[in-house]
Amino acid sequence: MGSTTKKILIGLGITVIIADIFNQIETEKVSINRAESTRLVFDYPQAGAQMLEEWDFPEEVFIPIRYQYQPNKTGEFKSLAGAVQVANWAAGVIGCKDGRDTWALDMDNSAFPIDEETLERAILEAQDRIEKAKLALVSGPN
């Protein structure tokens, strides 16, 4: 079996696993990190942080990413991990991801205190700016 065939089979396998993860989130109403850990034995922040650590990124980069689901476990990097968690959630809410997992995050508001009203305004403003940018791209030059 050639390397291209192996890559295709791995890709197809990952696609099936991701579908299973989202199915578990939908049917069992579990968080994405629980579904990933159950199905893969790790979650994507662990995988990303492991790569960043192996590429010699500093702790202040890979630790907050690794613990974005559990920011209170990071010690001095708690607020950074909390910020990553909020950013991940907000990206889904404003449409920068497919949004399926946005509601399925176990949020820890104590790690990155943010006023809900301020966050709501920021999300609405971001959505408005994204829509204006899309319209500008479709309209072409004025």
N, C-alpha and C. Protein backbone atom coordinates (compact mmCIF):
# COMPACT_ATOMS: atom_id res chain seq x y z
N MET A 1 0.86 -1.18 0.00
CA MET A 1 0.00 0.00 0.00
C MET A 1 0.89 1.23 0.00
N GLY A 2 0.65 2.14 -0.94
CA GLY A 2 1.45 3.35 -1.05
C GLY A 2 1.14 4.36 0.04
N SER A 3 2.04 5.32 0.21
CA SER A 3 1.86 6.32 1.26
C SER A 3 0.63 7.20 1.02
N THR A 4 0.31 7.47 -0.25
CA THR A 4 -0.88 8.26 -0.56
C THR A 4 -2.14 7.52 -0.14
N THR A 5 -2.18 6.22 -0.41
CA THR A 5 -3.33 5.41 0.00
C THR A 5 -3.47 5.39 1.51
N LYS A 6 -2.35 5.25 2.21
CA LYS A 6 -2.38 5.25 3.66
C LYS A 6 -2.92 6.59 4.19
N LYS A 7 -2.46 7.69 3.60
CA LYS A 7 -2.93 9.01 4.02
C LYS A 7 -4.43 9.16 3.79
N ILE A 8 -4.91 8.66 2.67
CA ILE A 8 -6.35 8.74 2.36
C ILE A 8 -7.14 7.92 3.38
N LEU A 9 -6.67 6.71 3.68
CA LEU A 9 -7.36 5.87 4.65
C LEU A 9 -7.36 6.49 6.04
N ILE A 10 -6.25 7.08 6.43
CA ILE A 10 -6.18 7.77 7.73
C ILE A 10 -7.16 8.94 7.74
N GLY A 11 -7.17 9.70 6.65
CA GLY A 11 -8.10 10.83 6.54
C GLY A 11 -9.55 10.40 6.63
N LEU A 12 -9.88 9.31 5.96
CA LEU A 12 -11.26 8.79 6.01
C LEU A 12 -11.60 8.31 7.42
N GLY A 13 -10.64 7.67 8.07
CA GLY A 13 -10.85 7.21 9.44
C GLY A 13 -11.10 8.36 10.40
N ILE A 14 -10.33 9.43 10.26
CA ILE A 14 -10.50 10.61 11.11
C ILE A 14 -11.86 11.23 10.87
N THR A 15 -12.29 11.28 9.61
CA THR A 15 -13.60 11.84 9.27
C THR A 15 -14.72 11.07 9.98
N VAL A 16 -14.62 9.75 10.00
CA VAL A 16 -15.61 8.91 10.67
C VAL A 16 -15.58 9.16 12.17
N ILE A 17 -14.39 9.25 12.74
CA ILE A 17 -14.25 9.49 14.18
C ILE A 17 -14.84 10.84 14.55
N ILE A 18 -14.57 11.87 13.76
CA ILE A 18 -15.12 13.20 14.04
C ILE A 18 -16.64 13.16 13.98
N ALA A 19 -17.18 12.46 13.01
CA ALA A 19 -18.65 12.33 12.91
C ALA A 19 -19.19 11.63 14.15
N ASP A 20 -18.49 10.59 14.63
CA ASP A 20 -18.90 9.89 15.84
C ASP A 20 -18.87 10.80 17.06
N ILE A 21 -17.84 11.65 17.13
CA ILE A 21 -17.72 12.59 18.25
C ILE A 21 -18.90 13.55 18.27
N PHE A 22 -19.23 14.14 17.12
CA PHE A 22 -20.35 15.08 17.08
C PHE A 22 -21.68 14.37 17.31
N ASN A 23 -21.79 13.13 16.88
CA ASN A 23 -22.99 12.35 17.15
C ASN A 23 -23.14 12.13 18.66
N GLN A 24 -22.04 11.81 19.34
CA GLN A 24 -22.08 11.62 20.79
C GLN A 24 -22.46 12.92 21.50
N ILE A 25 -21.93 14.04 21.04
CA ILE A 25 -22.27 15.34 21.62
C ILE A 25 -23.77 15.59 21.49
N GLU A 26 -24.32 15.32 20.31
CA GLU A 26 -25.73 15.58 20.04
C GLU A 26 -26.65 14.62 20.80
N THR A 27 -26.32 13.34 20.79
CA THR A 27 -27.23 12.36 21.38
C THR A 27 -27.10 12.24 22.89
N GLU A 28 -25.87 12.35 23.40
CA GLU A 28 -25.66 12.17 24.84
C GLU A 28 -25.54 13.49 25.60
N LYS A 29 -25.53 14.60 24.86
CA LYS A 29 -25.43 15.94 25.46
C LYS A 29 -24.20 16.06 26.36
N VAL A 30 -23.06 15.62 25.85
CA VAL A 30 -21.79 15.75 26.58
C VAL A 30 -20.97 16.86 25.94
N SER A 31 -19.99 17.35 26.67
CA SER A 31 -19.12 18.39 26.13
C SER A 31 -18.18 17.78 25.09
N ILE A 32 -17.66 18.65 24.24
CA ILE A 32 -16.78 18.17 23.18
C ILE A 32 -15.51 17.54 23.75
N ASN A 33 -14.97 18.12 24.83
CA ASN A 33 -13.75 17.52 25.39
C ASN A 33 -14.02 16.13 25.96
N ARG A 34 -15.17 15.91 26.54
CA ARG A 34 -15.50 14.57 27.05
C ARG A 34 -15.68 13.59 25.89
N ALA A 35 -16.36 14.04 24.84
CA ALA A 35 -16.57 13.16 23.69
C ALA A 35 -15.24 12.83 23.01
N GLU A 36 -14.38 13.83 22.84
CA GLU A 36 -13.07 13.58 22.23
C GLU A 36 -12.25 12.62 23.08
N SER A 37 -12.22 12.87 24.37
CA SER A 37 -11.42 12.01 25.27
C SER A 37 -11.94 10.58 25.29
N THR A 38 -13.26 10.42 25.20
CA THR A 38 -13.85 9.08 25.18
C THR A 38 -13.49 8.36 23.90
N ARG A 39 -13.61 9.05 22.77
CA ARG A 39 -13.42 8.41 21.47
C ARG A 39 -11.95 8.31 21.07
N LEU A 40 -11.17 9.32 21.42
CA LEU A 40 -9.77 9.37 20.97
C LEU A 40 -8.74 9.12 22.07
N VAL A 41 -9.14 9.19 23.30
CA VAL A 41 -8.29 9.10 24.49
C VAL A 41 -7.46 10.38 24.69
N PHE A 42 -7.75 11.39 23.90
CA PHE A 42 -7.16 12.72 24.06
C PHE A 42 -8.13 13.70 23.43
N ASP A 43 -7.91 14.99 23.69
CA ASP A 43 -8.74 16.00 23.02
C ASP A 43 -7.82 16.89 22.18
N TYR A 44 -8.41 17.71 21.32
CA TYR A 44 -7.58 18.47 20.38
C TYR A 44 -6.67 19.48 21.07
N PRO A 45 -7.03 20.08 22.21
CA PRO A 45 -6.05 20.95 22.87
C PRO A 45 -4.80 20.18 23.33
N GLN A 46 -4.98 18.95 23.78
CA GLN A 46 -3.82 18.14 24.17
C GLN A 46 -2.92 17.89 22.96
N ALA A 47 -3.53 17.54 21.84
CA ALA A 47 -2.75 17.26 20.62
C ALA A 47 -2.01 18.51 20.16
N GLY A 48 -2.71 19.64 20.12
CA GLY A 48 -2.09 20.88 19.69
C GLY A 48 -0.97 21.32 20.61
N ALA A 49 -1.21 21.21 21.91
CA ALA A 49 -0.18 21.61 22.89
C ALA A 49 1.04 20.70 22.79
N GLN A 50 0.82 19.42 22.56
CA GLN A 50 1.94 18.49 22.43
C GLN A 50 2.82 18.87 21.24
N MET A 51 2.18 19.21 20.12
CA MET A 51 2.95 19.63 18.95
C MET A 51 3.72 20.92 19.24
N LEU A 52 3.05 21.88 19.87
CA LEU A 52 3.71 23.16 20.18
C LEU A 52 4.90 22.95 21.12
N GLU A 53 4.74 22.06 22.10
CA GLU A 53 5.85 21.77 23.03
C GLU A 53 7.01 21.11 22.28
N GLU A 54 6.70 20.17 21.41
CA GLU A 54 7.75 19.50 20.64
C GLU A 54 8.45 20.45 19.68
N TRP A 55 7.77 21.49 19.24
CA TRP A 55 8.36 22.49 18.36
C TRP A 55 9.05 23.60 19.16
N ASP A 56 9.21 23.37 20.45
CA ASP A 56 9.93 24.28 21.35
C ASP A 56 9.26 25.64 21.56
N PHE A 57 7.93 25.67 21.50
CA PHE A 57 7.23 26.90 21.89
C PHE A 57 7.35 27.03 23.40
N PRO A 58 7.33 28.25 23.92
CA PRO A 58 7.44 28.43 25.37
C PRO A 58 6.18 27.96 26.11
N GLU A 59 6.34 27.69 27.40
CA GLU A 59 5.23 27.22 28.23
C GLU A 59 4.02 28.14 28.16
N GLU A 60 4.26 29.45 28.12
CA GLU A 60 3.13 30.38 28.12
C GLU A 60 2.29 30.29 26.87
N VAL A 61 2.77 29.55 25.87
CA VAL A 61 1.97 29.31 24.67
C VAL A 61 1.28 27.95 24.77
N PHE A 62 2.03 26.87 25.02
CA PHE A 62 1.41 25.55 24.95
C PHE A 62 0.60 25.16 26.18
N ILE A 63 0.92 25.67 27.35
CA ILE A 63 0.15 25.30 28.55
C ILE A 63 -1.27 25.88 28.50
N PRO A 64 -1.47 27.16 28.20
CA PRO A 64 -2.86 27.65 28.11
C PRO A 64 -3.68 26.93 27.03
N ILE A 65 -3.04 26.56 25.94
CA ILE A 65 -3.77 25.82 24.90
C ILE A 65 -4.14 24.44 25.41
N ARG A 66 -3.20 23.77 26.05
CA ARG A 66 -3.46 22.42 26.59
C ARG A 66 -4.60 22.43 27.60
N TYR A 67 -4.65 23.44 28.45
CA TYR A 67 -5.64 23.46 29.53
C TYR A 67 -6.80 24.42 29.29
N GLN A 68 -7.11 24.71 28.04
CA GLN A 68 -8.21 25.63 27.77
C GLN A 68 -9.54 25.09 28.28
N TYR A 69 -9.68 23.78 28.41
CA TYR A 69 -10.91 23.20 28.97
C TYR A 69 -10.90 23.19 30.49
N GLN A 70 -9.71 23.29 31.09
CA GLN A 70 -9.57 23.29 32.55
C GLN A 70 -8.58 24.38 32.96
N PRO A 71 -8.91 25.64 32.73
CA PRO A 71 -7.95 26.72 32.96
C PRO A 71 -7.44 26.83 34.39
N ASN A 72 -8.23 26.37 35.36
CA ASN A 72 -7.79 26.48 36.75
C ASN A 72 -6.67 25.51 37.10
N LYS A 73 -6.31 24.63 36.20
CA LYS A 73 -5.22 23.68 36.44
C LYS A 73 -3.86 24.21 35.97
N THR A 74 -3.81 25.44 35.48
CA THR A 74 -2.59 25.94 34.86
C THR A 74 -1.73 26.81 35.76
N GLY A 75 -2.18 27.09 36.97
CA GLY A 75 -1.39 27.95 37.85
C GLY A 75 -1.26 29.35 37.28
N GLU A 76 -0.03 29.76 37.04
CA GLU A 76 0.23 31.13 36.60
C GLU A 76 -0.36 31.46 35.24
N PHE A 77 -0.74 30.46 34.46
CA PHE A 77 -1.29 30.69 33.12
C PHE A 77 -2.81 30.61 33.08
N LYS A 78 -3.44 30.68 34.24
CA LYS A 78 -4.89 30.54 34.35
C LYS A 78 -5.65 31.53 33.48
N SER A 79 -5.28 32.80 33.54
CA SER A 79 -6.03 33.80 32.77
C SER A 79 -5.80 33.62 31.27
N LEU A 80 -4.61 33.21 30.87
CA LEU A 80 -4.35 32.95 29.45
C LEU A 80 -5.19 31.77 28.95
N ALA A 81 -5.24 30.70 29.75
CA ALA A 81 -6.04 29.53 29.37
C ALA A 81 -7.52 29.89 29.32
N GLY A 82 -7.97 30.72 30.27
CA GLY A 82 -9.36 31.18 30.26
C GLY A 82 -9.66 32.02 29.04
N ALA A 83 -8.70 32.85 28.64
CA ALA A 83 -8.89 33.68 27.44
C ALA A 83 -8.98 32.81 26.19
N VAL A 84 -8.17 31.76 26.12
CA VAL A 84 -8.23 30.84 24.98
C VAL A 84 -9.60 30.16 24.94
N GLN A 85 -10.09 29.77 26.12
CA GLN A 85 -11.41 29.13 26.20
C GLN A 85 -12.51 30.07 25.70
N VAL A 86 -12.49 31.31 26.15
CA VAL A 86 -13.50 32.29 25.73
C VAL A 86 -13.37 32.55 24.22
N ALA A 87 -12.14 32.68 23.74
CA ALA A 87 -11.93 32.93 22.30
C ALA A 87 -12.44 31.77 21.46
N ASN A 88 -12.20 30.55 21.90
CA ASN A 88 -12.66 29.36 21.20
C ASN A 88 -14.19 29.37 21.12
N TRP A 89 -14.83 29.65 22.25
CA TRP A 89 -16.29 29.71 22.29
C TRP A 89 -16.81 30.83 21.39
N ALA A 90 -16.22 32.01 21.51
CA ALA A 90 -16.67 33.16 20.74
C ALA A 90 -16.50 32.93 19.24
N ALA A 91 -15.41 32.28 18.84
CA ALA A 91 -15.18 31.99 17.43
C ALA A 91 -16.31 31.13 16.87
N GLY A 92 -16.77 30.18 17.64
CA GLY A 92 -17.90 29.36 17.20
C GLY A 92 -19.19 30.14 17.13
N VAL A 93 -19.42 31.00 18.10
CA VAL A 93 -20.65 31.77 18.15
C VAL A 93 -20.76 32.73 16.97
N ILE A 94 -19.65 33.35 16.57
CA ILE A 94 -19.72 34.31 15.47
C ILE A 94 -19.55 33.66 14.10
N GLY A 95 -19.44 32.34 14.07
CA GLY A 95 -19.43 31.64 12.80
C GLY A 95 -18.07 31.34 12.22
N CYS A 96 -17.02 31.44 13.01
CA CYS A 96 -15.67 31.13 12.50
C CYS A 96 -15.35 29.65 12.58
N LYS A 97 -16.26 28.87 13.12
CA LYS A 97 -16.16 27.41 13.13
C LYS A 97 -17.53 26.93 12.69
N ASP A 98 -17.72 25.63 12.64
CA ASP A 98 -19.05 25.18 12.21
C ASP A 98 -20.09 25.37 13.30
N GLY A 99 -19.66 25.67 14.53
CA GLY A 99 -20.59 26.01 15.59
C GLY A 99 -21.20 24.83 16.32
N ARG A 100 -20.99 23.63 15.79
CA ARG A 100 -21.64 22.47 16.42
C ARG A 100 -21.17 22.24 17.84
N ASP A 101 -19.92 22.57 18.14
CA ASP A 101 -19.40 22.29 19.47
C ASP A 101 -19.45 23.49 20.40
N THR A 102 -19.89 24.64 19.93
CA THR A 102 -19.86 25.85 20.75
C THR A 102 -20.68 25.69 22.01
N TRP A 103 -21.87 25.15 21.90
CA TRP A 103 -22.72 24.97 23.06
C TRP A 103 -22.22 23.83 23.94
N ALA A 104 -21.34 23.01 23.42
CA ALA A 104 -20.91 21.80 24.13
C ALA A 104 -19.62 21.99 24.92
N LEU A 105 -19.19 23.23 25.11
CA LEU A 105 -17.98 23.46 25.91
C LEU A 105 -18.35 23.55 27.38
N ASP A 106 -17.51 22.95 28.23
CA ASP A 106 -17.65 23.13 29.67
C ASP A 106 -16.93 24.42 30.02
N MET A 107 -17.66 25.52 30.07
CA MET A 107 -17.04 26.82 30.34
C MET A 107 -16.76 27.00 31.82
N ASP A 108 -15.61 27.61 32.13
CA ASP A 108 -15.22 27.93 33.50
C ASP A 108 -15.05 29.44 33.58
N ASN A 109 -16.10 30.12 33.97
CA ASN A 109 -16.09 31.58 33.99
C ASN A 109 -15.16 32.18 35.04
N SER A 110 -14.72 31.38 36.01
CA SER A 110 -13.85 31.93 37.06
C SER A 110 -12.43 32.17 36.56
N ALA A 111 -12.05 31.51 35.47
CA ALA A 111 -10.68 31.61 34.98
C ALA A 111 -10.42 32.91 34.23
N PHE A 112 -11.43 33.42 33.58
CA PHE A 112 -11.28 34.64 32.78
C PHE A 112 -12.56 35.45 32.95
N PRO A 113 -12.63 36.17 34.06
CA PRO A 113 -13.88 36.90 34.32
C PRO A 113 -14.15 37.93 33.24
N ILE A 114 -15.34 37.84 32.69
CA ILE A 114 -15.74 38.79 31.66
C ILE A 114 -17.22 39.09 31.86
N ASP A 115 -17.56 40.33 31.76
CA ASP A 115 -18.93 40.75 31.91
C ASP A 115 -19.74 40.22 30.73
N GLU A 116 -20.83 39.51 31.02
CA GLU A 116 -21.61 38.89 29.96
C GLU A 116 -22.18 39.91 28.98
N GLU A 117 -22.57 41.07 29.47
CA GLU A 117 -23.10 42.11 28.60
C GLU A 117 -22.02 42.62 27.63
N THR A 118 -20.82 42.80 28.15
CA THR A 118 -19.70 43.24 27.31
C THR A 118 -19.39 42.19 26.25
N LEU A 119 -19.39 40.92 26.65
CA LEU A 119 -19.12 39.83 25.73
C LEU A 119 -20.19 39.77 24.64
N GLU A 120 -21.45 39.92 25.05
CA GLU A 120 -22.54 39.89 24.08
C GLU A 120 -22.39 41.02 23.06
N ARG A 121 -22.07 42.22 23.55
CA ARG A 121 -21.88 43.35 22.63
C ARG A 121 -20.72 43.08 21.67
N ALA A 122 -19.63 42.52 22.20
CA ALA A 122 -18.46 42.22 21.37
C ALA A 122 -18.81 41.20 20.29
N ILE A 123 -19.58 40.19 20.64
CA ILE A 123 -19.97 39.16 19.68
C ILE A 123 -20.86 39.76 18.60
N LEU A 124 -21.84 40.57 19.00
CA LEU A 124 -22.72 41.20 18.02
C LEU A 124 -21.94 42.13 17.09
N GLU A 125 -21.01 42.87 17.65
CA GLU A 125 -20.19 43.76 16.83
C GLU A 125 -19.32 42.96 15.86
N ALA A 126 -18.74 41.85 16.34
CA ALA A 126 -17.92 41.01 15.47
C ALA A 126 -18.76 40.43 14.34
N GLN A 127 -19.96 39.96 14.66
CA GLN A 127 -20.85 39.42 13.62
C GLN A 127 -21.17 40.50 12.58
N ASP A 128 -21.45 41.71 13.04
CA ASP A 128 -21.75 42.83 12.14
C ASP A 128 -20.57 43.13 11.23
N ARG A 129 -19.38 43.16 11.80
CA ARG A 129 -18.18 43.45 10.99
C ARG A 129 -17.91 42.34 9.97
N ILE A 130 -18.14 41.10 10.37
CA ILE A 130 -17.94 39.98 9.45
C ILE A 130 -18.92 40.09 8.29
N GLU A 131 -20.17 40.40 8.58
CA GLU A 131 -21.18 40.56 7.52
C GLU A 131 -20.81 41.69 6.57
N LYS A 132 -20.35 42.83 7.12
CA LYS A 132 -19.94 43.95 6.27
C LYS A 132 -18.76 43.57 5.38
N ALA A 133 -17.83 42.81 5.95
CA ALA A 133 -16.67 42.37 5.16
C ALA A 133 -17.11 41.42 4.04
N LYS A 134 -18.04 40.52 4.34
CA LYS A 134 -18.54 39.60 3.32
C LYS A 134 -19.23 40.37 2.19
N LEU A 135 -20.04 41.35 2.56
CA LEU A 135 -20.73 42.16 1.56
C LEU A 135 -19.74 42.93 0.69
N ALA A 136 -18.70 43.45 1.31
CA ALA A 136 -17.68 44.19 0.56
C ALA A 136 -16.97 43.26 -0.43
N LEU A 137 -16.75 42.03 -0.04
CA LEU A 137 -16.08 41.08 -0.94
C LEU A 137 -16.97 40.71 -2.11
N VAL A 138 -18.27 40.57 -1.85
CA VAL A 138 -19.20 40.20 -2.91
C VAL A 138 -19.43 41.37 -3.86
N SER A 139 -19.55 42.57 -3.31
CA SER A 139 -19.84 43.75 -4.13
C SER A 139 -18.68 44.12 -5.03
N GLY A 140 -17.49 43.83 -4.60
CA GLY A 140 -16.33 44.24 -5.38
C GLY A 140 -15.98 45.67 -5.09
N PRO A 141 -15.13 46.27 -5.90
CA PRO A 141 -14.72 47.64 -5.66
C PRO A 141 -15.89 48.62 -5.84
N ASN A 142 -15.91 49.65 -5.01
CA ASN A 142 -16.98 50.66 -5.08
C ASN A 142 -16.67 51.71 -6.10
